Amino acid sequence: MKNLELPSLRSLRYFEVAARHRSFTGAADELRVGQSAVSHRIKELEAQLGYKLFRRSKRGVELTDQGEFYFKEISR
């Protein structure tokens, strides 16, 4: 049986703020951390969940379908 570890509250908070802003930079400003800290937390969360939450491009980030679902679920 695989050991299922729950995401940290900090990772969930960083994801919620980034998803709401649709921006890692906007999230970093709100959380008062560096943009790289947000990006790192999101990558860790994606690895833990096993799927991408954001599509990254030169223009910024947007939620994947899985990211939209996850955002709605944790925002309740």
N, C-alpha and C. Protein backbone atom coordinates (compact mmCIF):
# COMPACT_ATOMS: atom_id res chain seq x y z
N MET A 1 0.84 -1.18 0.00
CA MET A 1 0.00 0.00 0.00
C MET A 1 0.88 1.24 0.00
N LYS A 2 0.56 2.19 -0.85
CA LYS A 2 1.34 3.41 -0.99
C LYS A 2 1.04 4.36 0.17
N ASN A 3 2.07 4.98 0.70
CA ASN A 3 1.92 5.95 1.78
C ASN A 3 1.42 7.27 1.18
N LEU A 4 0.18 7.63 1.48
CA LEU A 4 -0.39 8.87 0.96
C LEU A 4 -0.16 9.98 1.96
N GLU A 5 0.56 10.97 1.52
CA GLU A 5 0.88 12.10 2.37
C GLU A 5 0.03 13.28 1.96
N LEU A 6 -0.58 13.94 2.93
CA LEU A 6 -1.40 15.11 2.63
C LEU A 6 -0.49 16.30 2.31
N PRO A 7 -0.93 17.16 1.39
CA PRO A 7 -0.15 18.37 1.11
C PRO A 7 -0.08 19.26 2.34
N SER A 8 1.01 19.99 2.46
CA SER A 8 1.13 20.92 3.59
C SER A 8 0.14 22.07 3.42
N LEU A 9 -0.26 22.65 4.53
CA LEU A 9 -1.17 23.79 4.48
C LEU A 9 -0.52 24.96 3.74
N ARG A 10 0.79 25.11 3.90
CA ARG A 10 1.49 26.19 3.20
C ARG A 10 1.42 26.00 1.69
N SER A 11 1.63 24.77 1.23
CA SER A 11 1.54 24.50 -0.21
C SER A 11 0.13 24.78 -0.73
N LEU A 12 -0.88 24.37 0.03
CA LEU A 12 -2.26 24.63 -0.37
C LEU A 12 -2.55 26.12 -0.40
N ARG A 13 -2.04 26.85 0.57
CA ARG A 13 -2.22 28.31 0.60
C ARG A 13 -1.56 28.96 -0.60
N TYR A 14 -0.33 28.58 -0.92
CA TYR A 14 0.37 29.16 -2.06
C TYR A 14 -0.40 28.84 -3.35
N PHE A 15 -0.90 27.62 -3.46
CA PHE A 15 -1.67 27.26 -4.65
C PHE A 15 -2.94 28.10 -4.74
N GLU A 16 -3.68 28.22 -3.64
CA GLU A 16 -4.93 28.97 -3.65
C GLU A 16 -4.71 30.42 -4.07
N VAL A 17 -3.69 31.04 -3.53
CA VAL A 17 -3.41 32.45 -3.86
C VAL A 17 -2.95 32.57 -5.32
N ALA A 18 -2.09 31.67 -5.77
CA ALA A 18 -1.63 31.71 -7.17
C ALA A 18 -2.79 31.47 -8.13
N ALA A 19 -3.68 30.54 -7.79
CA ALA A 19 -4.83 30.25 -8.64
C ALA A 19 -5.78 31.45 -8.69
N ARG A 20 -6.00 32.07 -7.56
CA ARG A 20 -6.89 33.24 -7.52
C ARG A 20 -6.33 34.39 -8.34
N HIS A 21 -5.03 34.62 -8.24
CA HIS A 21 -4.39 35.71 -8.98
C HIS A 21 -4.11 35.33 -10.44
N ARG A 22 -4.08 34.02 -10.71
CA ARG A 22 -3.65 33.50 -12.02
C ARG A 22 -2.25 34.02 -12.34
N SER A 23 -1.44 34.11 -11.26
CA SER A 23 -0.10 34.66 -11.39
C SER A 23 0.76 34.25 -10.20
N PHE A 24 1.96 33.76 -10.47
CA PHE A 24 2.89 33.46 -9.39
C PHE A 24 3.44 34.76 -8.80
N THR A 25 3.61 35.77 -9.63
CA THR A 25 4.12 37.05 -9.16
C THR A 25 3.09 37.73 -8.26
N GLY A 26 1.83 37.72 -8.67
CA GLY A 26 0.76 38.29 -7.84
C GLY A 26 0.65 37.56 -6.52
N ALA A 27 0.79 36.24 -6.56
CA ALA A 27 0.75 35.45 -5.33
C ALA A 27 1.92 35.80 -4.44
N ALA A 28 3.09 35.93 -5.03
CA ALA A 28 4.28 36.28 -4.25
C ALA A 28 4.10 37.62 -3.56
N ASP A 29 3.54 38.58 -4.27
CA ASP A 29 3.29 39.90 -3.67
C ASP A 29 2.35 39.80 -2.48
N GLU A 30 1.25 39.05 -2.65
CA GLU A 30 0.29 38.91 -1.55
C GLU A 30 0.89 38.16 -0.37
N LEU A 31 1.64 37.12 -0.65
CA LEU A 31 2.22 36.30 0.40
C LEU A 31 3.50 36.89 0.99
N ARG A 32 4.02 37.93 0.33
CA ARG A 32 5.25 38.60 0.75
C ARG A 32 6.45 37.65 0.76
N VAL A 33 6.55 36.90 -0.35
CA VAL A 33 7.68 36.00 -0.58
C VAL A 33 8.17 36.23 -2.00
N GLY A 34 9.25 35.60 -2.38
CA GLY A 34 9.74 35.69 -3.74
C GLY A 34 8.92 34.83 -4.69
N GLN A 35 8.90 35.22 -5.95
CA GLN A 35 8.17 34.47 -6.97
C GLN A 35 8.70 33.05 -7.08
N SER A 36 9.99 32.88 -6.89
CA SER A 36 10.57 31.54 -6.97
C SER A 36 10.07 30.64 -5.84
N ALA A 37 9.76 31.21 -4.67
CA ALA A 37 9.21 30.42 -3.57
C ALA A 37 7.84 29.87 -3.94
N VAL A 38 7.03 30.69 -4.60
CA VAL A 38 5.70 30.24 -5.04
C VAL A 38 5.86 29.14 -6.08
N SER A 39 6.71 29.37 -7.06
CA SER A 39 6.94 28.40 -8.12
C SER A 39 7.41 27.06 -7.54
N HIS A 40 8.33 27.13 -6.60
CA HIS A 40 8.87 25.92 -5.97
C HIS A 40 7.78 25.14 -5.24
N ARG A 41 6.96 25.83 -4.46
CA ARG A 41 5.87 25.19 -3.72
C ARG A 41 4.87 24.54 -4.67
N ILE A 42 4.56 25.22 -5.77
CA ILE A 42 3.60 24.68 -6.74
C ILE A 42 4.18 23.42 -7.39
N LYS A 43 5.45 23.47 -7.76
CA LYS A 43 6.09 22.28 -8.35
C LYS A 43 6.06 21.11 -7.38
N GLU A 44 6.33 21.36 -6.11
CA GLU A 44 6.28 20.30 -5.10
C GLU A 44 4.88 19.72 -4.98
N LEU A 45 3.88 20.59 -4.97
CA LEU A 45 2.50 20.14 -4.86
C LEU A 45 2.10 19.32 -6.09
N GLU A 46 2.49 19.77 -7.27
CA GLU A 46 2.19 19.03 -8.50
C GLU A 46 2.85 17.64 -8.47
N ALA A 47 4.08 17.58 -7.99
CA ALA A 47 4.77 16.28 -7.90
C ALA A 47 4.07 15.37 -6.92
N GLN A 48 3.63 15.92 -5.82
CA GLN A 48 2.95 15.12 -4.81
C GLN A 48 1.60 14.61 -5.32
N LEU A 49 0.87 15.46 -6.04
CA LEU A 49 -0.44 15.07 -6.56
C LEU A 49 -0.35 14.16 -7.78
N GLY A 50 0.73 14.34 -8.55
CA GLY A 50 0.92 13.52 -9.74
C GLY A 50 0.30 14.10 -10.99
N TYR A 51 -0.03 15.39 -10.96
CA TYR A 51 -0.54 16.06 -12.17
C TYR A 51 -0.26 17.56 -12.09
N LYS A 52 -0.25 18.18 -13.26
CA LYS A 52 0.02 19.61 -13.37
C LYS A 52 -1.21 20.42 -12.97
N LEU A 53 -0.99 21.46 -12.22
CA LEU A 53 -2.05 22.37 -11.81
C LEU A 53 -2.08 23.61 -12.69
N PHE A 54 -0.91 23.98 -13.23
CA PHE A 54 -0.78 25.17 -14.06
C PHE A 54 -0.08 24.84 -15.37
N ARG A 55 -0.46 25.55 -16.42
CA ARG A 55 0.31 25.56 -17.67
C ARG A 55 1.16 26.81 -17.62
N ARG A 56 2.45 26.64 -17.84
CA ARG A 56 3.38 27.77 -17.79
C ARG A 56 3.75 28.17 -19.21
N SER A 57 3.83 29.48 -19.44
CA SER A 57 4.27 29.99 -20.73
C SER A 57 5.01 31.30 -20.49
N LYS A 58 5.54 31.86 -21.54
CA LYS A 58 6.25 33.14 -21.41
C LYS A 58 5.28 34.25 -20.99
N ARG A 59 3.99 34.08 -21.28
CA ARG A 59 2.98 35.08 -20.94
C ARG A 59 2.48 34.95 -19.51
N GLY A 60 2.83 33.86 -18.83
CA GLY A 60 2.38 33.67 -17.46
C GLY A 60 1.91 32.26 -17.22
N VAL A 61 0.92 32.12 -16.35
CA VAL A 61 0.39 30.79 -16.01
C VAL A 61 -1.13 30.79 -16.14
N GLU A 62 -1.66 29.62 -16.43
CA GLU A 62 -3.11 29.43 -16.38
C GLU A 62 -3.38 28.06 -15.82
N LEU A 63 -4.51 27.92 -15.16
CA LEU A 63 -4.86 26.66 -14.54
C LEU A 63 -5.18 25.60 -15.59
N THR A 64 -4.75 24.39 -15.34
CA THR A 64 -5.17 23.25 -16.16
C THR A 64 -6.58 22.88 -15.71
N ASP A 65 -7.21 21.94 -16.41
CA ASP A 65 -8.53 21.47 -15.99
C ASP A 65 -8.46 20.89 -14.58
N GLN A 66 -7.40 20.11 -14.31
CA GLN A 66 -7.22 19.55 -12.97
C GLN A 66 -7.00 20.65 -11.94
N GLY A 67 -6.25 21.68 -12.34
CA GLY A 67 -6.01 22.82 -11.45
C GLY A 67 -7.30 23.56 -11.12
N GLU A 68 -8.16 23.75 -12.12
CA GLU A 68 -9.46 24.40 -11.90
C GLU A 68 -10.29 23.61 -10.91
N PHE A 69 -10.34 22.28 -11.10
CA PHE A 69 -11.10 21.42 -10.20
C PHE A 69 -10.54 21.49 -8.78
N TYR A 70 -9.23 21.37 -8.65
CA TYR A 70 -8.58 21.39 -7.34
C TYR A 70 -8.82 22.73 -6.65
N PHE A 71 -8.73 23.83 -7.40
CA PHE A 71 -8.96 25.16 -6.85
C PHE A 71 -10.38 25.27 -6.30
N LYS A 72 -11.35 24.81 -7.05
CA LYS A 72 -12.75 24.86 -6.59
C LYS A 72 -12.93 24.02 -5.33
N GLU A 73 -12.28 22.87 -5.28
CA GLU A 73 -12.42 21.99 -4.13
C GLU A 73 -11.80 22.57 -2.86
N ILE A 74 -10.61 23.13 -2.97
CA ILE A 74 -9.97 23.64 -1.76
C ILE A 74 -10.46 25.03 -1.37
N SER A 75 -11.16 25.70 -2.27
CA SER A 75 -11.66 27.05 -1.99
C SER A 75 -12.96 27.03 -1.20
N ARG A 76 -13.57 25.87 -1.09
CA ARG A 76 -14.86 25.78 -0.35
C ARG A 76 -14.69 26.07 1.11
